[in-house]
PDB file of N, CA and C in Angstrom:
ATOM      1  N   MET A   1      13.473  -0.738 -14.603  1.00  0.00           N
ATOM      2  CA  MET A   1      12.460   0.029 -13.910  1.00  0.00           C
ATOM      3  C   MET A   1      13.163   1.035 -12.988  1.00  0.00           C
ATOM      4  N   LYS A   2      12.634   2.237 -12.957  1.00  0.00           N
ATOM      5  CA  LYS A   2      13.188   3.294 -12.108  1.00  0.00           C
ATOM      6  C   LYS A   2      12.947   2.979 -10.640  1.00  0.00           C
ATOM      7  N   GLN A   3      13.844   3.476  -9.809  1.00  0.00           N
ATOM      8  CA  GLN A   3      13.693   3.253  -8.376  1.00  0.00           C
ATOM      9  C   GLN A   3      12.402   3.871  -7.855  1.00  0.00           C
ATOM     10  N   SER A   4      12.024   5.040  -8.378  1.00  0.00           N
ATOM     11  CA  SER A   4      10.780   5.667  -7.924  1.00  0.00           C
ATOM     12  C   SER A   4       9.568   4.793  -8.262  1.00  0.00           C
ATOM     13  N   ASP A   5       9.631   4.053  -9.357  1.00  0.00           N
ATOM     14  CA  ASP A   5       8.536   3.128  -9.687  1.00  0.00           C
ATOM     15  C   ASP A   5       8.446   1.999  -8.664  1.00  0.00           C
ATOM     16  N   HIS A   6       9.593   1.504  -8.213  1.00  0.00           N
ATOM     17  CA  HIS A   6       9.589   0.482  -7.159  1.00  0.00           C
ATOM     18  C   HIS A   6       8.963   1.043  -5.883  1.00  0.00           C
ATOM     19  N   PHE A   7       9.305   2.291  -5.561  1.00  0.00           N
ATOM     20  CA  PHE A   7       8.736   2.920  -4.372  1.00  0.00           C
ATOM     21  C   PHE A   7       7.220   3.033  -4.508  1.00  0.00           C
ATOM     22  N   ARG A   8       6.751   3.387  -5.695  1.00  0.00           N
ATOM     23  CA  ARG A   8       5.299   3.506  -5.914  1.00  0.00           C
ATOM     24  C   ARG A   8       4.605   2.140  -5.837  1.00  0.00           C
ATOM     25  N   GLU A   9       5.287   1.090  -6.270  1.00  0.00           N
ATOM     26  CA  GLU A   9       4.728  -0.258  -6.119  1.00  0.00           C
ATOM     27  C   GLU A   9       4.581  -0.597  -4.638  1.00  0.00           C
ATOM     28  N   ASN A  10       5.595  -0.259  -3.850  1.00  0.00           N
ATOM     29  CA  ASN A  10       5.511  -0.492  -2.409  1.00  0.00           C
ATOM     30  C   ASN A  10       4.343   0.287  -1.810  1.00  0.00           C
ATOM     31  N   ALA A  11       4.146   1.524  -2.254  1.00  0.00           N
ATOM     32  CA  ALA A  11       3.029   2.333  -1.773  1.00  0.00           C
ATOM     33  C   ALA A  11       1.701   1.669  -2.114  1.00  0.00           C
ATOM     34  N   GLU A  12       1.590   1.154  -3.313  1.00  0.00           N
ATOM     35  CA  GLU A  12       0.352   0.492  -3.725  1.00  0.00           C
ATOM     36  C   GLU A  12       0.110  -0.770  -2.888  1.00  0.00           C
ATOM     37  N   ASN A  13       1.170  -1.511  -2.594  1.00  0.00           N
ATOM     38  CA  ASN A  13       1.029  -2.696  -1.741  1.00  0.00           C
ATOM     39  C   ASN A  13       0.518  -2.301  -0.359  1.00  0.00           C
ATOM     40  N   CYS A  14       1.042  -1.209   0.185  1.00  0.00           N
ATOM     41  CA  CYS A  14       0.580  -0.734   1.489  1.00  0.00           C
ATOM     42  C   CYS A  14      -0.887  -0.323   1.427  1.00  0.00           C
ATOM     43  N   ALA A  15      -1.289   0.310   0.339  1.00  0.00           N
ATOM     44  CA  ALA A  15      -2.691   0.711   0.181  1.00  0.00           C
ATOM     45  C   ALA A  15      -3.597  -0.516   0.183  1.00  0.00           C
ATOM     46  N   GLN A  16      -3.172  -1.571  -0.503  1.00  0.00           N
ATOM     47  CA  GLN A  16      -3.967  -2.801  -0.535  1.00  0.00           C
ATOM     48  C   GLN A  16      -4.027  -3.456   0.840  1.00  0.00           C
ATOM     49  N   LEU A  17      -2.894  -3.454   1.541  1.00  0.00           N
ATOM     50  CA  LEU A  17      -2.881  -4.016   2.892  1.00  0.00           C
ATOM     51  C   LEU A  17      -3.779  -3.210   3.829  1.00  0.00           C
ATOM     52  N   ALA A  18      -3.798  -1.895   3.657  1.00  0.00           N
ATOM     53  CA  ALA A  18      -4.651  -1.049   4.492  1.00  0.00           C
ATOM     54  C   ALA A  18      -6.119  -1.403   4.297  1.00  0.00           C
ATOM     55  N   GLU A  19      -6.505  -1.659   3.065  1.00  0.00           N
ATOM     56  CA  GLU A  19      -7.904  -1.997   2.787  1.00  0.00           C
ATOM     57  C   GLU A  19      -8.312  -3.316   3.436  1.00  0.00           C
ATOM     58  N   ARG A  20      -7.341  -4.197   3.670  1.00  0.00           N
ATOM     59  CA  ARG A  20      -7.640  -5.498   4.279  1.00  0.00           C
ATOM     60  C   ARG A  20      -7.292  -5.539   5.770  1.00  0.00           C
ATOM     61  N   ALA A  21      -6.961  -4.413   6.339  1.00  0.00           N
ATOM     62  CA  ALA A  21      -6.537  -4.368   7.743  1.00  0.00           C
ATOM     63  C   ALA A  21      -7.660  -4.828   8.670  1.00  0.00           C
ATOM     64  N   ALA A  22      -7.255  -5.505   9.715  1.00  0.00           N
ATOM     65  CA  ALA A  22      -8.226  -6.061  10.663  1.00  0.00           C
ATOM     66  C   ALA A  22      -8.785  -5.019  11.618  1.00  0.00           C
ATOM     67  N   ASP A  23      -8.030  -3.938  11.837  1.00  0.00           N
ATOM     68  CA  ASP A  23      -8.501  -2.925  12.776  1.00  0.00           C
ATOM     69  C   ASP A  23      -8.002  -1.548  12.328  1.00  0.00           C
ATOM     70  N   HIS A  24      -8.543  -0.526  12.982  1.00  0.00           N
ATOM     71  CA  HIS A  24      -8.240   0.848  12.572  1.00  0.00           C
ATOM     72  C   HIS A  24      -6.771   1.243  12.792  1.00  0.00           C
ATOM     73  N   PRO A  25      -6.157   0.884  13.918  1.00  0.00           N
ATOM     74  CA  PRO A  25      -4.732   1.235  14.076  1.00  0.00           C
ATOM     75  C   PRO A  25      -3.840   0.614  12.988  1.00  0.00           C
ATOM     76  N   THR A  26      -4.146  -0.599  12.597  1.00  0.00           N
ATOM     77  CA  THR A  26      -3.373  -1.243  11.534  1.00  0.00           C
ATOM     78  C   THR A  26      -3.609  -0.540  10.208  1.00  0.00           C
ATOM     79  N   TYR A  27      -4.854  -0.177   9.953  1.00  0.00           N
ATOM     80  CA  TYR A  27      -5.191   0.582   8.745  1.00  0.00           C
ATOM     81  C   TYR A  27      -4.369   1.874   8.684  1.00  0.00           C
ATOM     82  N   LEU A  28      -4.355   2.602   9.798  1.00  0.00           N
ATOM     83  CA  LEU A  28      -3.613   3.866   9.829  1.00  0.00           C
ATOM     84  C   LEU A  28      -2.115   3.655   9.635  1.00  0.00           C
ATOM     85  N   ARG A  29      -1.579   2.588  10.192  1.00  0.00           N
ATOM     86  CA  ARG A  29      -0.160   2.284  10.039  1.00  0.00           C
ATOM     87  C   ARG A  29       0.179   2.061   8.557  1.00  0.00           C
ATOM     88  N   TYR A  30      -0.627   1.272   7.871  1.00  0.00           N
ATOM     89  CA  TYR A  30      -0.383   1.027   6.452  1.00  0.00           C
ATOM     90  C   TYR A  30      -0.541   2.297   5.618  1.00  0.00           C
ATOM     91  N   LYS A  31      -1.512   3.130   5.989  1.00  0.00           N
ATOM     92  CA  LYS A  31      -1.695   4.385   5.247  1.00  0.00           C
ATOM     93  C   LYS A  31      -0.493   5.308   5.440  1.00  0.00           C
ATOM     94  N   ARG A  32       0.075   5.356   6.649  1.00  0.00           N
ATOM     95  CA  ARG A  32       1.288   6.152   6.876  1.00  0.00           C
ATOM     96  C   ARG A  32       2.446   5.602   6.066  1.00  0.00           C
ATOM     97  N   MET A  33       2.551   4.287   6.000  1.00  0.00           N
ATOM     98  CA  MET A  33       3.612   3.672   5.196  1.00  0.00           C
ATOM     99  C   MET A  33       3.415   3.997   3.712  1.00  0.00           C
ATOM    100  N   GLU A  34       2.177   3.951   3.252  1.00  0.00           N
ATOM    101  CA  GLU A  34       1.876   4.306   1.867  1.00  0.00           C
ATOM    102  C   GLU A  34       2.319   5.739   1.572  1.00  0.00           C
ATOM    103  N   ASP A  35       1.963   6.659   2.453  1.00  0.00           N
ATOM    104  CA  ASP A  35       2.349   8.064   2.267  1.00  0.00           C
ATOM    105  C   ASP A  35       3.872   8.219   2.237  1.00  0.00           C
ATOM    106  N   ALA A  36       4.556   7.491   3.112  1.00  0.00           N
ATOM    107  CA  ALA A  36       6.017   7.580   3.159  1.00  0.00           C
ATOM    108  C   ALA A  36       6.638   7.075   1.859  1.00  0.00           C
ATOM    109  N   TRP A  37       6.143   5.959   1.334  1.00  0.00           N
ATOM    110  CA  TRP A  37       6.673   5.428   0.067  1.00  0.00           C
ATOM    111  C   TRP A  37       6.417   6.398  -1.081  1.00  0.00           C
ATOM    112  N   ARG A  38       5.229   7.022  -1.104  1.00  0.00           N
ATOM    113  CA  ARG A  38       4.937   7.986  -2.175  1.00  0.00           C
ATOM    114  C   ARG A  38       5.845   9.213  -2.067  1.00  0.00           C
ATOM    115  N   SER A  39       6.112   9.651  -0.852  1.00  0.00           N
ATOM    116  CA  SER A  39       7.028  10.777  -0.669  1.00  0.00           C
ATOM    117  C   SER A  39       8.429  10.418  -1.138  1.00  0.00           C
ATOM    118  N   LEU A  40       8.867   9.209  -0.818  1.00  0.00           N
ATOM    119  CA  LEU A  40      10.178   8.761  -1.293  1.00  0.00           C
ATOM    120  C   LEU A  40      10.230   8.711  -2.818  1.00  0.00           C
ATOM    121  N   ALA A  41       9.166   8.245  -3.433  1.00  0.00           N
ATOM    122  CA  ALA A  41       9.122   8.184  -4.896  1.00  0.00           C
ATOM    123  C   ALA A  41       9.209   9.579  -5.503  1.00  0.00           C
ATOM    124  N   ASP A  42       8.469  10.524  -4.938  1.00  0.00           N
ATOM    125  CA  ASP A  42       8.510  11.904  -5.440  1.00  0.00           C
ATOM    126  C   ASP A  42       9.900  12.501  -5.273  1.00  0.00           C
ATOM    127  N   GLU A  43      10.513  12.244  -4.125  1.00  0.00           N
ATOM    128  CA  GLU A  43      11.862  12.767  -3.894  1.00  0.00           C
ATOM    129  C   GLU A  43      12.868  12.136  -4.842  1.00  0.00           C
ATOM    130  N   GLN A  44      12.718  10.838  -5.098  1.00  0.00           N
ATOM    131  CA  GLN A  44      13.631  10.167  -6.030  1.00  0.00           C
ATOM    132  C   GLN A  44      13.484  10.744  -7.429  1.00  0.00           C
ATOM    133  N   ASP A  45      12.260  11.033  -7.854  1.00  0.00           N
ATOM    134  CA  ASP A  45      12.047  11.670  -9.160  1.00  0.00           C
ATOM    135  C   ASP A  45      12.773  13.011  -9.210  1.00  0.00           C
ATOM    136  N   TRP A  46      12.707  13.763  -8.117  1.00  0.00           N
ATOM    137  CA  TRP A  46      13.393  15.053  -8.064  1.00  0.00           C
ATOM    138  C   TRP A  46      14.907  14.844  -8.133  1.00  0.00           C
ATOM    139  N   LEU A  47      15.422  13.886  -7.369  1.00  0.00           N
ATOM    140  CA  LEU A  47      16.856  13.611  -7.373  1.00  0.00           C
ATOM    141  C   LEU A  47      17.333  13.158  -8.756  1.00  0.00           C
ATOM    142  N   ASP A  48      16.474  12.454  -9.484  1.00  0.00           N
ATOM    143  CA  ASP A  48      16.820  11.987 -10.827  1.00  0.00           C
ATOM    144  C   ASP A  48      16.629  13.068 -11.880  1.00  0.00           C
ATOM    145  N   GLY A  49      16.171  14.255 -11.465  1.00  0.00           N
ATOM    146  CA  GLY A  49      15.981  15.359 -12.394  1.00  0.00           C
ATOM    147  C   GLY A  49      14.735  15.268 -13.231  1.00  0.00           C
ATOM    148  N   GLU A  50      13.780  14.447 -12.809  1.00  0.00           N
ATOM    149  CA  GLU A  50      12.555  14.271 -13.586  1.00  0.00           C
ATOM    150  C   GLU A  50      11.462  15.259 -13.210  1.00  0.00           C
ATOM    151  N   THR A  51      11.567  15.856 -12.046  1.00  0.00           N
ATOM    152  CA  THR A  51      10.614  16.881 -11.645  1.00  0.00           C
ATOM    153  C   THR A  51      11.410  18.100 -11.170  1.00  0.00           C
ATOM    154  N   PRO A  52      10.919  19.283 -11.478  1.00  0.00           N
ATOM    155  CA  PRO A  52      11.647  20.492 -11.051  1.00  0.00           C
ATOM    156  C   PRO A  52      11.484  20.729  -9.550  1.00  0.00           C
ATOM    157  N   PRO A  53      12.432  21.429  -8.949  1.00  0.00           N
ATOM    158  CA  PRO A  53      12.260  21.776  -7.535  1.00  0.00           C
ATOM    159  C   PRO A  53      11.071  22.702  -7.363  1.00  0.00           C
ATOM    160  N   VAL A  54      10.493  22.689  -6.202  1.00  0.00           N
ATOM    161  CA  VAL A  54       9.340  23.530  -5.896  1.00  0.00           C
ATOM    162  C   VAL A  54       9.831  24.970  -5.732  1.00  0.00           C
ATOM    163  N   ALA A  55       9.148  25.876  -6.394  1.00  0.00           N
ATOM    164  CA  ALA A  55       9.513  27.278  -6.286  1.00  0.00           C
ATOM    165  C   ALA A  55       9.102  27.817  -4.916  1.00  0.00           C
ATOM    166  N   ILE A  56       9.945  28.622  -4.327  1.00  0.00           N
ATOM    167  CA  ILE A  56       9.653  29.231  -3.033  1.00  0.00           C
ATOM    168  C   ILE A  56       8.995  30.578  -3.296  1.00  0.00           C
ATOM    169  N   ALA A  57       7.827  30.777  -2.715  1.00  0.00           N
ATOM    170  CA  ALA A  57       7.081  32.018  -2.910  1.00  0.00           C
ATOM    171  C   ALA A  57       7.780  33.152  -2.137  1.00  0.00           C
ATOM    172  N   VAL A  58       7.986  34.254  -2.799  1.00  0.00           N
ATOM    173  CA  VAL A  58       8.576  35.425  -2.168  1.00  0.00           C
ATOM    174  C   VAL A  58       7.466  36.422  -1.912  1.00  0.00           C
ATOM    175  N   THR A  59       7.309  36.827  -0.659  1.00  0.00           N
ATOM    176  CA  THR A  59       6.236  37.776  -0.337  1.00  0.00           C
ATOM    177  C   THR A  59       6.806  39.062   0.208  1.00  0.00           C
TER     178      THR A  59
END
């Protein structure tokens, strides 16, 4: 399994924990963790050459 897939599994676990959170601050904490894991997964895909770099708009 690719490392980015592991990161996405962690993100999904955080999403599930957020849904079961006892209070709003805990919910927000898990959602931030979910976002961070998804960002790491996207970056790992880029580092592995699976996604192209984002083009910079020239104006």
